[in-house]
Amino acid sequence: MKIVCKKFSPLERNTLRAFAEIYFADLGMTMRDVAIHTKNGSTWASPPSKPQIKDGVAVKDDAGKIQYSAIIEFSSREAHDKFSAAVISAVCATDDGRRALGAGKPQDKPAFDDEIRF
């Protein structure tokens, strides 16, 4: 499945490094607000999520952080990891993504060609 990073918007907050707009060429679909995170040398992508709401107010944990719920569900951890790897590859194929994530030279292919089963 070929994916391309159409937009990369840096935003550093805790592990968050940016939000990306990802285009799934084979589906003709764009996914906005894909979160790009880094921690302890690892980089991963998380699909968009929404804040949990109760009585019209965002639910917060004991530390005061807003709690989020998944919008997209993967059939397995492996499928999620493939999605994440594909997004990071597409992000690192952009100049902004490489600079923000400290990646080296551009990827040879800014697309993910392995099959992702959902």
C-alpha atoms as a PDB file:
ATOM      1  CA  MET A   1       0.000   0.000   0.000  1.00  0.00           C
ATOM      2  CA  LYS A   2       1.561   3.291  -1.075  1.00  0.00           C
ATOM      3  CA  ILE A   3       1.338   6.138   1.422  1.00  0.00           C
ATOM      4  CA  VAL A   4       2.664   9.687   1.218  1.00  0.00           C
ATOM      5  CA  CYS A   5       3.060  12.411   3.823  1.00  0.00           C
ATOM      6  CA  LYS A   6       1.196  15.402   2.360  1.00  0.00           C
ATOM      7  CA  LYS A   7       1.691  17.747   5.313  1.00  0.00           C
ATOM      8  CA  PHE A   8       3.927  17.786   8.373  1.00  0.00           C
ATOM      9  CA  SER A   9       3.196  20.184  11.247  1.00  0.00           C
ATOM     10  CA  PRO A  10       5.798  20.181  14.047  1.00  0.00           C
ATOM     11  CA  LEU A  11       4.465  20.481  17.597  1.00  0.00           C
ATOM     12  CA  GLU A  12       6.671  19.426  20.504  1.00  0.00           C
ATOM     13  CA  ARG A  13       4.852  18.433  23.678  1.00  0.00           C
ATOM     14  CA  ASN A  14       6.105  15.548  25.855  1.00  0.00           C
ATOM     15  CA  THR A  15       6.655  12.642  23.386  1.00  0.00           C
ATOM     16  CA  LEU A  16       4.684  14.375  20.606  1.00  0.00           C
ATOM     17  CA  ARG A  17       6.848  15.792  17.799  1.00  0.00           C
ATOM     18  CA  ALA A  18       4.309  16.605  15.091  1.00  0.00           C
ATOM     19  CA  PHE A  19       1.031  15.923  13.381  1.00  0.00           C
ATOM     20  CA  ALA A  20       1.032  14.582   9.836  1.00  0.00           C
ATOM     21  CA  GLU A  21      -1.471  14.390   7.010  1.00  0.00           C
ATOM     22  CA  ILE A  22      -1.078  10.980   5.385  1.00  0.00           C
ATOM     23  CA  TYR A  23      -2.404  10.061   1.933  1.00  0.00           C
ATOM     24  CA  PHE A  24      -3.216   6.401   1.187  1.00  0.00           C
ATOM     25  CA  ALA A  25      -2.863   6.428  -2.591  1.00  0.00           C
ATOM     26  CA  ASP A  26      -4.415   2.996  -3.198  1.00  0.00           C
ATOM     27  CA  LEU A  27      -7.540   4.020  -1.291  1.00  0.00           C
ATOM     28  CA  GLY A  28      -7.674   7.635  -2.402  1.00  0.00           C
ATOM     29  CA  MET A  29      -7.961   8.508   1.307  1.00  0.00           C
ATOM     30  CA  THR A  30      -6.268  11.148   3.463  1.00  0.00           C
ATOM     31  CA  MET A  31      -5.909  10.692   7.223  1.00  0.00           C
ATOM     32  CA  ARG A  32      -5.335  13.945   9.104  1.00  0.00           C
ATOM     33  CA  ASP A  33      -3.911  14.467  12.586  1.00  0.00           C
ATOM     34  CA  VAL A  34      -1.695  11.388  12.685  1.00  0.00           C
ATOM     35  CA  ALA A  35       0.470  11.975  15.768  1.00  0.00           C
ATOM     36  CA  ILE A  36       4.220  11.420  15.473  1.00  0.00           C
ATOM     37  CA  HIS A  37       5.968  10.570  18.757  1.00  0.00           C
ATOM     38  CA  THR A  38       9.528   9.900  19.915  1.00  0.00           C
ATOM     39  CA  LYS A  39      10.884   8.543  23.190  1.00  0.00           C
ATOM     40  CA  ASN A  40      14.133   6.839  24.180  1.00  0.00           C
ATOM     41  CA  GLY A  41      15.302   6.598  20.571  1.00  0.00           C
ATOM     42  CA  SER A  42      12.021   5.142  19.282  1.00  0.00           C
ATOM     43  CA  THR A  43       9.697   6.897  16.854  1.00  0.00           C
ATOM     44  CA  TRP A  44       6.122   5.862  16.184  1.00  0.00           C
ATOM     45  CA  ALA A  45       2.888   7.073  14.638  1.00  0.00           C
ATOM     46  CA  SER A  46      -0.538   7.012  16.251  1.00  0.00           C
ATOM     47  CA  PRO A  47      -3.755   7.393  14.269  1.00  0.00           C
ATOM     48  CA  PRO A  48      -6.095  10.245  15.178  1.00  0.00           C
ATOM     49  CA  SER A  49      -8.007   9.979  18.451  1.00  0.00           C
ATOM     50  CA  LYS A  50     -10.678  11.994  20.213  1.00  0.00           C
ATOM     51  CA  PRO A  51     -10.929  13.278  23.773  1.00  0.00           C
ATOM     52  CA  GLN A  52     -13.184  11.352  26.125  1.00  0.00           C
ATOM     53  CA  ILE A  53     -16.178  13.522  27.064  1.00  0.00           C
ATOM     54  CA  LYS A  54     -18.465  13.140  30.089  1.00  0.00           C
ATOM     55  CA  ASP A  55     -21.282  15.577  30.789  1.00  0.00           C
ATOM     56  CA  GLY A  56     -19.893  17.903  28.117  1.00  0.00           C
ATOM     57  CA  VAL A  57     -16.432  18.126  29.725  1.00  0.00           C
ATOM     58  CA  ALA A  58     -13.174  16.426  28.720  1.00  0.00           C
ATOM     59  CA  VAL A  59     -12.244  13.575  31.083  1.00  0.00           C
ATOM     60  CA  LYS A  60      -8.853  14.032  32.773  1.00  0.00           C
ATOM     61  CA  ASP A  61      -6.634  11.631  34.687  1.00  0.00           C
ATOM     62  CA  ASP A  62      -5.234  12.267  38.182  1.00  0.00           C
ATOM     63  CA  ALA A  63      -2.393  14.331  36.701  1.00  0.00           C
ATOM     64  CA  GLY A  64      -4.867  16.575  34.861  1.00  0.00           C
ATOM     65  CA  LYS A  65      -4.135  15.180  31.382  1.00  0.00           C
ATOM     66  CA  ILE A  66      -7.035  14.769  28.979  1.00  0.00           C
ATOM     67  CA  GLN A  67      -7.878  11.136  28.234  1.00  0.00           C
ATOM     68  CA  TYR A  68      -8.274  10.098  24.585  1.00  0.00           C
ATOM     69  CA  SER A  69     -10.156   7.277  22.846  1.00  0.00           C
ATOM     70  CA  ALA A  70      -9.163   5.523  19.650  1.00  0.00           C
ATOM     71  CA  ILE A  71     -11.124   6.283  16.499  1.00  0.00           C
ATOM     72  CA  ILE A  72      -9.389   3.628  14.397  1.00  0.00           C
ATOM     73  CA  GLU A  73      -8.855   0.054  15.550  1.00  0.00           C
ATOM     74  CA  PHE A  74      -6.274  -2.355  14.141  1.00  0.00           C
ATOM     75  CA  SER A  75      -6.838  -6.097  13.921  1.00  0.00           C
ATOM     76  CA  SER A  76      -3.514  -6.816  15.639  1.00  0.00           C
ATOM     77  CA  ARG A  77      -0.430  -5.227  17.148  1.00  0.00           C
ATOM     78  CA  GLU A  78       1.440  -6.286  14.002  1.00  0.00           C
ATOM     79  CA  ALA A  79      -1.000  -4.333  11.791  1.00  0.00           C
ATOM     80  CA  HIS A  80      -0.607  -1.266  14.015  1.00  0.00           C
ATOM     81  CA  ASP A  81       3.196  -1.571  13.896  1.00  0.00           C
ATOM     82  CA  LYS A  82       3.125  -1.829  10.081  1.00  0.00           C
ATOM     83  CA  PHE A  83       0.941   1.281   9.893  1.00  0.00           C
ATOM     84  CA  SER A  84       3.328   3.129  12.204  1.00  0.00           C
ATOM     85  CA  ALA A  85       6.424   2.076  10.246  1.00  0.00           C
ATOM     86  CA  ALA A  86       4.790   3.107   6.964  1.00  0.00           C
ATOM     87  CA  VAL A  87       3.842   6.531   8.298  1.00  0.00           C
ATOM     88  CA  ILE A  88       7.304   7.159   9.750  1.00  0.00           C
ATOM     89  CA  SER A  89       8.872   6.131   6.436  1.00  0.00           C
ATOM     90  CA  ALA A  90       6.603   8.555   4.557  1.00  0.00           C
ATOM     91  CA  VAL A  91       7.307  11.348   7.047  1.00  0.00           C
ATOM     92  CA  CYS A  92      11.067  10.792   6.807  1.00  0.00           C
ATOM     93  CA  ALA A  93      10.803  11.084   3.023  1.00  0.00           C
ATOM     94  CA  THR A  94       9.955  14.785   3.515  1.00  0.00           C
ATOM     95  CA  ASP A  95      12.523  17.468   4.291  1.00  0.00           C
ATOM     96  CA  ASP A  96      10.503  18.789   7.261  1.00  0.00           C
ATOM     97  CA  GLY A  97      10.013  15.303   8.665  1.00  0.00           C
ATOM     98  CA  ARG A  98      13.704  14.413   8.400  1.00  0.00           C
ATOM     99  CA  ARG A  99      14.720  17.652  10.130  1.00  0.00           C
ATOM    100  CA  ALA A 100      12.166  17.302  12.936  1.00  0.00           C
ATOM    101  CA  LEU A 101      12.928  13.656  13.624  1.00  0.00           C
ATOM    102  CA  GLY A 102      16.675  13.889  13.142  1.00  0.00           C
ATOM    103  CA  ALA A 103      16.615  11.344  10.335  1.00  0.00           C
ATOM    104  CA  GLY A 104      19.414  11.079   7.824  1.00  0.00           C
ATOM    105  CA  LYS A 105      19.065  11.092   4.053  1.00  0.00           C
ATOM    106  CA  PRO A 106      15.704  10.614   2.314  1.00  0.00           C
ATOM    107  CA  GLN A 107      14.252   7.140   2.161  1.00  0.00           C
ATOM    108  CA  ASP A 108      14.662   5.393  -1.177  1.00  0.00           C
ATOM    109  CA  LYS A 109      10.885   4.893  -1.335  1.00  0.00           C
ATOM    110  CA  PRO A 110       8.491   7.304   0.373  1.00  0.00           C
ATOM    111  CA  ALA A 111       5.867   4.589   0.341  1.00  0.00           C
ATOM    112  CA  PHE A 112       5.040   1.391   2.149  1.00  0.00           C
ATOM    113  CA  ASP A 113       4.588  -1.526  -0.227  1.00  0.00           C
ATOM    114  CA  ASP A 114       3.892  -4.418   2.126  1.00  0.00           C
ATOM    115  CA  GLU A 115       0.305  -5.479   2.570  1.00  0.00           C
ATOM    116  CA  ILE A 116      -1.399  -4.116   5.677  1.00  0.00           C
ATOM    117  CA  ARG A 117      -4.325  -6.252   6.800  1.00  0.00           C
ATOM    118  CA  PHE A 118      -7.067  -4.468   8.681  1.00  0.00           C
END
